[in-house]
Amino acid sequence: MDSDDEQLLRGRVYGQDHERPGPRPGQSYAELVGGPLDGLLLDITGWTQEEVDAGVGLRTELGRFGADGRATYRPRPGDRRRFDWSGDIR
């Protein structure tokens, strides 16, 4: 990914419409840290503590497995506002 693509992704919410790419008031977000989705925000509004603790596998074409892959992220211990990349899966 080149620097122009990286800049485009910054400050955007994963999976959100391109017309409204930024965070919305009243929602809770976690920052994705590392990996192919680094810098994006993940809307975790309404997630239970168990769901946050489980982490998430997010579809992305930018990871190791291309369009068939997912990037996995886990909450940073003690900081549910940051999800660290833990690898790519199919």
PDB file of N, CA and C in Angstrom:
ATOM      1  N   MET A   1       0.859  -1.172   0.000  1.00  0.00           N
ATOM      2  CA  MET A   1       0.000   0.000   0.000  1.00  0.00           C
ATOM      3  C   MET A   1       0.902   1.230   0.000  1.00  0.00           C
ATOM      4  N   ASP A   2       0.619   2.199  -0.869  1.00  0.00           N
ATOM      5  CA  ASP A   2       1.459   3.394  -0.906  1.00  0.00           C
ATOM      6  C   ASP A   2       0.944   4.437   0.089  1.00  0.00           C
ATOM      7  N   SER A   3       1.702   5.503   0.273  1.00  0.00           N
ATOM      8  CA  SER A   3       1.372   6.497   1.298  1.00  0.00           C
ATOM      9  C   SER A   3       0.045   7.202   1.026  1.00  0.00           C
ATOM     10  N   ASP A   4      -0.341   7.369  -0.250  1.00  0.00           N
ATOM     11  CA  ASP A   4      -1.632   7.991  -0.552  1.00  0.00           C
ATOM     12  C   ASP A   4      -2.783   7.124  -0.043  1.00  0.00           C
ATOM     13  N   ASP A   5      -2.678   5.794  -0.228  1.00  0.00           N
ATOM     14  CA  ASP A   5      -3.705   4.887   0.280  1.00  0.00           C
ATOM     15  C   ASP A   5      -3.762   4.936   1.799  1.00  0.00           C
ATOM     16  N   GLU A   6      -2.601   4.985   2.444  1.00  0.00           N
ATOM     17  CA  GLU A   6      -2.551   5.035   3.904  1.00  0.00           C
ATOM     18  C   GLU A   6      -3.213   6.300   4.424  1.00  0.00           C
ATOM     19  N   GLN A   7      -2.957   7.439   3.789  1.00  0.00           N
ATOM     20  CA  GLN A   7      -3.578   8.686   4.222  1.00  0.00           C
ATOM     21  C   GLN A   7      -5.092   8.648   4.057  1.00  0.00           C
ATOM     22  N   LEU A   8      -5.570   8.022   2.998  1.00  0.00           N
ATOM     23  CA  LEU A   8      -7.001   7.913   2.750  1.00  0.00           C
ATOM     24  C   LEU A   8      -7.693   7.167   3.879  1.00  0.00           C
ATOM     25  N   LEU A   9      -7.043   6.138   4.424  1.00  0.00           N
ATOM     26  CA  LEU A   9      -7.658   5.323   5.467  1.00  0.00           C
ATOM     27  C   LEU A   9      -7.656   6.008   6.834  1.00  0.00           C
ATOM     28  N   ARG A  10      -6.757   6.900   7.092  1.00  0.00           N
ATOM     29  CA  ARG A  10      -6.639   7.539   8.412  1.00  0.00           C
ATOM     30  C   ARG A  10      -7.916   8.300   8.786  1.00  0.00           C
ATOM     31  N   GLY A  11      -8.363   8.146  10.039  1.00  0.00           N
ATOM     32  CA  GLY A  11      -9.512   8.879  10.526  1.00  0.00           C
ATOM     33  C   GLY A  11     -10.849   8.354  10.048  1.00  0.00           C
ATOM     34  N   ARG A  12     -10.840   7.241   9.356  1.00  0.00           N
ATOM     35  CA  ARG A  12     -12.069   6.658   8.838  1.00  0.00           C
ATOM     36  C   ARG A  12     -12.523   5.533   9.747  1.00  0.00           C
ATOM     37  N   VAL A  13     -13.792   5.214   9.640  1.00  0.00           N
ATOM     38  CA  VAL A  13     -14.376   4.135  10.424  1.00  0.00           C
ATOM     39  C   VAL A  13     -14.505   2.898   9.532  1.00  0.00           C
ATOM     40  N   TYR A  14     -14.004   1.771  10.019  1.00  0.00           N
ATOM     41  CA  TYR A  14     -14.065   0.524   9.271  1.00  0.00           C
ATOM     42  C   TYR A  14     -15.512   0.209   8.896  1.00  0.00           C
ATOM     43  N   GLY A  15     -15.737  -0.093   7.623  1.00  0.00           N
ATOM     44  CA  GLY A  15     -17.050  -0.518   7.145  1.00  0.00           C
ATOM     45  C   GLY A  15     -18.070   0.584   6.956  1.00  0.00           C
ATOM     46  N   GLN A  16     -17.698   1.810   7.211  1.00  0.00           N
ATOM     47  CA  GLN A  16     -18.643   2.912   7.097  1.00  0.00           C
ATOM     48  C   GLN A  16     -18.679   3.448   5.669  1.00  0.00           C
ATOM     49  N   ASP A  17     -19.799   3.967   5.291  1.00  0.00           N
ATOM     50  CA  ASP A  17     -20.043   4.547   3.971  1.00  0.00           C
ATOM     51  C   ASP A  17     -19.004   5.621   3.640  1.00  0.00           C
ATOM     52  N   HIS A  18     -18.557   5.649   2.385  1.00  0.00           N
ATOM     53  CA  HIS A  18     -17.577   6.639   1.944  1.00  0.00           C
ATOM     54  C   HIS A  18     -18.120   8.065   2.024  1.00  0.00           C
ATOM     55  N   GLU A  19     -19.420   8.229   1.987  1.00  0.00           N
ATOM     56  CA  GLU A  19     -20.026   9.561   2.079  1.00  0.00           C
ATOM     57  C   GLU A  19     -19.891  10.147   3.489  1.00  0.00           C
ATOM     58  N   ARG A  20     -19.832   9.275   4.501  1.00  0.00           N
ATOM     59  CA  ARG A  20     -19.708   9.713   5.895  1.00  0.00           C
ATOM     60  C   ARG A  20     -18.605   8.908   6.558  1.00  0.00           C
ATOM     61  N   PRO A  21     -17.342   9.168   6.190  1.00  0.00           N
ATOM     62  CA  PRO A  21     -16.253   8.303   6.631  1.00  0.00           C
ATOM     63  C   PRO A  21     -15.814   8.462   8.083  1.00  0.00           C
ATOM     64  N   GLY A  22     -16.172   9.553   8.731  1.00  0.00           N
ATOM     65  CA  GLY A  22     -15.655   9.825  10.065  1.00  0.00           C
ATOM     66  C   GLY A  22     -16.530   9.301  11.184  1.00  0.00           C
ATOM     67  N   PRO A  23     -16.018   9.419  12.400  1.00  0.00           N
ATOM     68  CA  PRO A  23     -16.779   8.985  13.569  1.00  0.00           C
ATOM     69  C   PRO A  23     -18.032   9.829  13.774  1.00  0.00           C
ATOM     70  N   ARG A  24     -19.031   9.224  14.388  1.00  0.00           N
ATOM     71  CA  ARG A  24     -20.299   9.904  14.654  1.00  0.00           C
ATOM     72  C   ARG A  24     -20.453  10.167  16.144  1.00  0.00           C
ATOM     73  N   PRO A  25     -21.048  11.278  16.493  1.00  0.00           N
ATOM     74  CA  PRO A  25     -21.262  11.583  17.913  1.00  0.00           C
ATOM     75  C   PRO A  25     -22.097  10.493  18.587  1.00  0.00           C
ATOM     76  N   GLY A  26     -21.780  10.214  19.836  1.00  0.00           N
ATOM     77  CA  GLY A  26     -22.548   9.255  20.619  1.00  0.00           C
ATOM     78  C   GLY A  26     -22.167   7.801  20.403  1.00  0.00           C
ATOM     79  N   GLN A  27     -21.193   7.537  19.530  1.00  0.00           N
ATOM     80  CA  GLN A  27     -20.746   6.172  19.273  1.00  0.00           C
ATOM     81  C   GLN A  27     -19.437   5.927  20.024  1.00  0.00           C
ATOM     82  N   SER A  28     -19.132   4.651  20.288  1.00  0.00           N
ATOM     83  CA  SER A  28     -17.872   4.268  20.927  1.00  0.00           C
ATOM     84  C   SER A  28     -16.985   3.600  19.891  1.00  0.00           C
ATOM     85  N   TYR A  29     -15.723   3.994  19.857  1.00  0.00           N
ATOM     86  CA  TYR A  29     -14.794   3.486  18.860  1.00  0.00           C
ATOM     87  C   TYR A  29     -13.524   2.958  19.507  1.00  0.00           C
ATOM     88  N   ALA A  30     -12.929   1.974  18.839  1.00  0.00           N
ATOM     89  CA  ALA A  30     -11.595   1.496  19.186  1.00  0.00           C
ATOM     90  C   ALA A  30     -10.715   1.754  17.975  1.00  0.00           C
ATOM     91  N   GLU A  31      -9.474   2.169  18.219  1.00  0.00           N
ATOM     92  CA  GLU A  31      -8.532   2.378  17.124  1.00  0.00           C
ATOM     93  C   GLU A  31      -7.856   1.059  16.794  1.00  0.00           C
ATOM     94  N   LEU A  32      -7.787   0.728  15.506  1.00  0.00           N
ATOM     95  CA  LEU A  32      -7.083  -0.468  15.055  1.00  0.00           C
ATOM     96  C   LEU A  32      -5.607  -0.107  14.916  1.00  0.00           C
ATOM     97  N   VAL A  33      -4.744  -0.878  15.589  1.00  0.00           N
ATOM     98  CA  VAL A  33      -3.326  -0.557  15.659  1.00  0.00           C
ATOM     99  C   VAL A  33      -2.509  -1.673  15.001  1.00  0.00           C
ATOM    100  N   GLY A  34      -1.745  -1.318  13.983  1.00  0.00           N
ATOM    101  CA  GLY A  34      -0.906  -2.283  13.285  1.00  0.00           C
ATOM    102  C   GLY A  34      -1.686  -3.004  12.198  1.00  0.00           C
ATOM    103  N   GLY A  35      -0.984  -3.800  11.426  1.00  0.00           N
ATOM    104  CA  GLY A  35      -1.627  -4.590  10.383  1.00  0.00           C
ATOM    105  C   GLY A  35      -2.198  -3.758   9.252  1.00  0.00           C
ATOM    106  N   PRO A  36      -2.977  -4.400   8.400  1.00  0.00           N
ATOM    107  CA  PRO A  36      -3.462  -3.731   7.189  1.00  0.00           C
ATOM    108  C   PRO A  36      -4.507  -2.645   7.427  1.00  0.00           C
ATOM    109  N   LEU A  37      -5.142  -2.636   8.586  1.00  0.00           N
ATOM    110  CA  LEU A  37      -6.186  -1.643   8.864  1.00  0.00           C
ATOM    111  C   LEU A  37      -5.740  -0.601   9.884  1.00  0.00           C
ATOM    112  N   ASP A  38      -4.432  -0.484  10.064  1.00  0.00           N
ATOM    113  CA  ASP A  38      -3.850   0.442  11.029  1.00  0.00           C
ATOM    114  C   ASP A  38      -4.420   1.845  10.873  1.00  0.00           C
ATOM    115  N   GLY A  39      -4.854   2.420  11.977  1.00  0.00           N
ATOM    116  CA  GLY A  39      -5.349   3.794  11.975  1.00  0.00           C
ATOM    117  C   GLY A  39      -6.846   3.928  11.787  1.00  0.00           C
ATOM    118  N   LEU A  40      -7.509   2.877  11.309  1.00  0.00           N
ATOM    119  CA  LEU A  40      -8.968   2.946  11.178  1.00  0.00           C
ATOM    120  C   LEU A  40      -9.613   2.835  12.552  1.00  0.00           C
ATOM    121  N   LEU A  41     -10.819   3.318  12.646  1.00  0.00           N
ATOM    122  CA  LEU A  41     -11.603   3.184  13.866  1.00  0.00           C
ATOM    123  C   LEU A  41     -12.626   2.069  13.677  1.00  0.00           C
ATOM    124  N   LEU A  42     -12.903   1.337  14.745  1.00  0.00           N
ATOM    125  CA  LEU A  42     -13.898   0.273  14.728  1.00  0.00           C
ATOM    126  C   LEU A  42     -15.021   0.670  15.677  1.00  0.00           C
ATOM    127  N   ASP A  43     -16.242   0.718  15.158  1.00  0.00           N
ATOM    128  CA  ASP A  43     -17.400   1.077  15.979  1.00  0.00           C
ATOM    129  C   ASP A  43     -17.729  -0.099  16.899  1.00  0.00           C
ATOM    130  N   ILE A  44     -17.550   0.097  18.203  1.00  0.00           N
ATOM    131  CA  ILE A  44     -17.839  -0.955  19.185  1.00  0.00           C
ATOM    132  C   ILE A  44     -19.035  -0.576  20.065  1.00  0.00           C
ATOM    133  N   THR A  45     -19.828   0.331  19.579  1.00  0.00           N
ATOM    134  CA  THR A  45     -21.025   0.754  20.314  1.00  0.00           C
ATOM    135  C   THR A  45     -21.908  -0.458  20.582  1.00  0.00           C
ATOM    136  N   GLY A  46     -22.292  -0.641  21.822  1.00  0.00           N
ATOM    137  CA  GLY A  46     -23.196  -1.725  22.193  1.00  0.00           C
ATOM    138  C   GLY A  46     -22.527  -3.075  22.392  1.00  0.00           C
ATOM    139  N   TRP A  47     -21.225  -3.168  22.181  1.00  0.00           N
ATOM    140  CA  TRP A  47     -20.532  -4.435  22.395  1.00  0.00           C
ATOM    141  C   TRP A  47     -20.453  -4.727  23.887  1.00  0.00           C
ATOM    142  N   THR A  48     -20.638  -5.982  24.246  1.00  0.00           N
ATOM    143  CA  THR A  48     -20.467  -6.398  25.639  1.00  0.00           C
ATOM    144  C   THR A  48     -18.978  -6.526  25.938  1.00  0.00           C
ATOM    145  N   GLN A  49     -18.638  -6.613  27.205  1.00  0.00           N
ATOM    146  CA  GLN A  49     -17.230  -6.807  27.576  1.00  0.00           C
ATOM    147  C   GLN A  49     -16.695  -8.112  26.995  1.00  0.00           C
ATOM    148  N   GLU A  50     -17.534  -9.141  26.964  1.00  0.00           N
ATOM    149  CA  GLU A  50     -17.120 -10.429  26.390  1.00  0.00           C
ATOM    150  C   GLU A  50     -16.819 -10.306  24.899  1.00  0.00           C
ATOM    151  N   GLU A  51     -17.638  -9.545  24.180  1.00  0.00           N
ATOM    152  CA  GLU A  51     -17.400  -9.346  22.745  1.00  0.00           C
ATOM    153  C   GLU A  51     -16.105  -8.570  22.510  1.00  0.00           C
ATOM    154  N   VAL A  52     -15.864  -7.555  23.316  1.00  0.00           N
ATOM    155  CA  VAL A  52     -14.623  -6.791  23.202  1.00  0.00           C
ATOM    156  C   VAL A  52     -13.435  -7.702  23.493  1.00  0.00           C
ATOM    157  N   ASP A  53     -13.517  -8.479  24.576  1.00  0.00           N
ATOM    158  CA  ASP A  53     -12.416  -9.366  24.964  1.00  0.00           C
ATOM    159  C   ASP A  53     -12.098 -10.414  23.904  1.00  0.00           C
ATOM    160  N   ALA A  54     -13.101 -10.844  23.146  1.00  0.00           N
ATOM    161  CA  ALA A  54     -12.910 -11.879  22.123  1.00  0.00           C
ATOM    162  C   ALA A  54     -12.136 -11.364  20.920  1.00  0.00           C
ATOM    163  N   GLY A  55     -12.142 -10.061  20.705  1.00  0.00           N
ATOM    164  CA  GLY A  55     -11.489  -9.515  19.522  1.00  0.00           C
ATOM    165  C   GLY A  55     -12.356  -9.724  18.294  1.00  0.00           C
ATOM    166  N   VAL A  56     -11.766  -9.485  17.127  1.00  0.00           N
ATOM    167  CA  VAL A  56     -12.560  -9.495  15.904  1.00  0.00           C
ATOM    168  C   VAL A  56     -11.695  -9.837  14.693  1.00  0.00           C
ATOM    169  N   GLY A  57     -12.299 -10.505  13.721  1.00  0.00           N
ATOM    170  CA  GLY A  57     -11.666 -10.750  12.422  1.00  0.00           C
ATOM    171  C   GLY A  57     -12.385  -9.906  11.383  1.00  0.00           C
ATOM    172  N   LEU A  58     -11.701  -8.971  10.777  1.00  0.00           N
ATOM    173  CA  LEU A  58     -12.308  -8.021   9.856  1.00  0.00           C
ATOM    174  C   LEU A  58     -11.889  -8.294   8.417  1.00  0.00           C
ATOM    175  N   ARG A  59     -12.872  -8.376   7.536  1.00  0.00           N
ATOM    176  CA  ARG A  59     -12.576  -8.587   6.108  1.00  0.00           C
ATOM    177  C   ARG A  59     -11.757  -7.417   5.572  1.00  0.00           C
ATOM    178  N   THR A  60     -10.733  -7.789   4.793  1.00  0.00           N
ATOM    179  CA  THR A  60      -9.932  -6.768   4.123  1.00  0.00           C
ATOM    180  C   THR A  60      -9.198  -7.390   2.944  1.00  0.00           C
ATOM    181  N   GLU A  61      -9.065  -6.634   1.895  1.00  0.00           N
ATOM    182  CA  GLU A  61      -8.285  -7.067   0.732  1.00  0.00           C
ATOM    183  C   GLU A  61      -6.819  -6.693   0.901  1.00  0.00           C
ATOM    184  N   LEU A  62      -6.509  -5.966   1.948  1.00  0.00           N
ATOM    185  CA  LEU A  62      -5.166  -5.433   2.146  1.00  0.00           C
ATOM    186  C   LEU A  62      -4.234  -6.387   2.884  1.00  0.00           C
ATOM    187  N   GLY A  63      -4.760  -7.471   3.439  1.00  0.00           N
ATOM    188  CA  GLY A  63      -3.957  -8.393   4.227  1.00  0.00           C
ATOM    189  C   GLY A  63      -3.252  -9.455   3.406  1.00  0.00           C
ATOM    190  N   ARG A  64      -2.645 -10.376   4.078  1.00  0.00           N
ATOM    191  CA  ARG A  64      -1.844 -11.449   3.496  1.00  0.00           C
ATOM    192  C   ARG A  64      -2.610 -12.311   2.492  1.00  0.00           C
ATOM    193  N   PHE A  65      -3.898 -12.536   2.729  1.00  0.00           N
ATOM    194  CA  PHE A  65      -4.678 -13.443   1.899  1.00  0.00           C
ATOM    195  C   PHE A  65      -5.578 -12.731   0.886  1.00  0.00           C
ATOM    196  N   GLY A  66      -5.380 -11.439   0.694  1.00  0.00           N
ATOM    197  CA  GLY A  66      -6.149 -10.697  -0.293  1.00  0.00           C
ATOM    198  C   GLY A  66      -7.633 -10.694   0.020  1.00  0.00           C
ATOM    199  N   ALA A  67      -8.462 -10.762  -1.010  1.00  0.00           N
ATOM    200  CA  ALA A  67      -9.914 -10.639  -0.860  1.00  0.00           C
ATOM    201  C   ALA A  67     -10.537 -11.756  -0.022  1.00  0.00           C
ATOM    202  N   ASP A  68      -9.849 -12.873   0.142  1.00  0.00           N
ATOM    203  CA  ASP A  68     -10.380 -13.986   0.930  1.00  0.00           C
ATOM    204  C   ASP A  68     -10.011 -13.897   2.408  1.00  0.00           C
ATOM    205  N   GLY A  69      -9.278 -12.877   2.797  1.00  0.00           N
ATOM    206  CA  GLY A  69      -8.729 -12.841   4.141  1.00  0.00           C
ATOM    207  C   GLY A  69      -9.422 -11.912   5.117  1.00  0.00           C
ATOM    208  N   ARG A  70      -9.014 -12.103   6.353  1.00  0.00           N
ATOM    209  CA  ARG A  70      -9.443 -11.257   7.462  1.00  0.00           C
ATOM    210  C   ARG A  70      -8.218 -10.863   8.278  1.00  0.00           C
ATOM    211  N   ALA A  71      -8.246  -9.667   8.796  1.00  0.00           N
ATOM    212  CA  ALA A  71      -7.223  -9.207   9.729  1.00  0.00           C
ATOM    213  C   ALA A  71      -7.807  -9.363  11.125  1.00  0.00           C
ATOM    214  N   THR A  72      -7.072 -10.011  12.015  1.00  0.00           N
ATOM    215  CA  THR A  72      -7.584 -10.209  13.374  1.00  0.00           C
ATOM    216  C   THR A  72      -6.987  -9.169  14.315  1.00  0.00           C
ATOM    217  N   TYR A  73      -7.843  -8.655  15.162  1.00  0.00           N
ATOM    218  CA  TYR A  73      -7.464  -7.638  16.138  1.00  0.00           C
ATOM    219  C   TYR A  73      -7.990  -8.037  17.511  1.00  0.00           C
ATOM    220  N   ARG A  74      -7.173  -7.802  18.524  1.00  0.00           N
ATOM    221  CA  ARG A  74      -7.515  -8.107  19.911  1.00  0.00           C
ATOM    222  C   ARG A  74      -7.367  -6.831  20.741  1.00  0.00           C
ATOM    223  N   PRO A  75      -8.220  -6.675  21.748  1.00  0.00           N
ATOM    224  CA  PRO A  75      -8.097  -5.472  22.574  1.00  0.00           C
ATOM    225  C   PRO A  75      -6.764  -5.453  23.318  1.00  0.00           C
ATOM    226  N   ARG A  76      -6.198  -4.285  23.410  1.00  0.00           N
ATOM    227  CA  ARG A  76      -4.953  -4.118  24.152  1.00  0.00           C
ATOM    228  C   ARG A  76      -5.273  -4.289  25.643  1.00  0.00           C
ATOM    229  N   PRO A  77      -4.499  -5.095  26.355  1.00  0.00           N
ATOM    230  CA  PRO A  77      -4.760  -5.266  27.794  1.00  0.00           C
ATOM    231  C   PRO A  77      -4.814  -3.923  28.520  1.00  0.00           C
ATOM    232  N   GLY A  78      -5.910  -3.701  29.210  1.00  0.00           N
ATOM    233  CA  GLY A  78      -6.084  -2.472  29.977  1.00  0.00           C
ATOM    234  C   GLY A  78      -6.512  -1.260  29.166  1.00  0.00           C
ATOM    235  N   ASP A  79      -6.745  -1.427  27.869  1.00  0.00           N
ATOM    236  CA  ASP A  79      -7.110  -0.286  27.026  1.00  0.00           C
ATOM    237  C   ASP A  79      -8.079  -0.728  25.936  1.00  0.00           C
ATOM    238  N   ARG A  80      -9.367  -0.755  26.238  1.00  0.00           N
ATOM    239  CA  ARG A  80     -10.351  -1.223  25.267  1.00  0.00           C
ATOM    240  C   ARG A  80     -10.546  -0.252  24.108  1.00  0.00           C
ATOM    241  N   ARG A  81      -9.867   0.875  24.136  1.00  0.00           N
ATOM    242  CA  ARG A  81      -9.937   1.855  23.047  1.00  0.00           C
ATOM    243  C   ARG A  81      -8.934   1.563  21.936  1.00  0.00           C
ATOM    244  N   ARG A  82      -8.073   0.560  22.124  1.00  0.00           N
ATOM    245  CA  ARG A  82      -7.096   0.174  21.104  1.00  0.00           C
ATOM    246  C   ARG A  82      -7.153  -1.334  20.913  1.00  0.00           C
ATOM    247  N   PHE A  83      -7.270  -1.737  19.653  1.00  0.00           N
ATOM    248  CA  PHE A  83      -7.241  -3.149  19.285  1.00  0.00           C
ATOM    249  C   PHE A  83      -5.966  -3.375  18.481  1.00  0.00           C
ATOM    250  N   ASP A  84      -5.106  -4.250  18.970  1.00  0.00           N
ATOM    251  CA  ASP A  84      -3.837  -4.537  18.298  1.00  0.00           C
ATOM    252  C   ASP A  84      -3.990  -5.674  17.298  1.00  0.00           C
ATOM    253  N   TRP A  85      -3.317  -5.540  16.164  1.00  0.00           N
ATOM    254  CA  TRP A  85      -3.336  -6.551  15.124  1.00  0.00           C
ATOM    255  C   TRP A  85      -2.646  -7.801  15.636  1.00  0.00           C
ATOM    256  N   SER A  86      -3.257  -8.961  15.401  1.00  0.00           N
ATOM    257  CA  SER A  86      -2.642 -10.211  15.832  1.00  0.00           C
ATOM    258  C   SER A  86      -2.367 -11.158  14.676  1.00  0.00           C
ATOM    259  N   GLY A  87      -2.665 -10.758  13.444  1.00  0.00           N
ATOM    260  CA  GLY A  87      -2.334 -11.559  12.285  1.00  0.00           C
ATOM    261  C   GLY A  87      -3.467 -11.582  11.256  1.00  0.00           C
ATOM    262  N   ASP A  88      -3.202 -12.259  10.161  1.00  0.00           N
ATOM    263  CA  ASP A  88      -4.192 -12.408   9.089  1.00  0.00           C
ATOM    264  C   ASP A  88      -4.614 -13.869   9.014  1.00  0.00           C
ATOM    265  N   ILE A  89      -5.874 -14.104   8.721  1.00  0.00           N
ATOM    266  CA  ILE A  89      -6.425 -15.454   8.571  1.00  0.00           C
ATOM    267  C   ILE A  89      -7.272 -15.507   7.322  1.00  0.00           C
ATOM    268  N   ARG A  90      -7.561 -16.733   6.887  1.00  0.00           N
ATOM    269  CA  ARG A  90      -8.496 -16.939   5.772  1.00  0.00           C
ATOM    270  C   ARG A  90      -9.876 -17.102   6.314  1.00  0.00           C
TER     271      ARG A  90
END
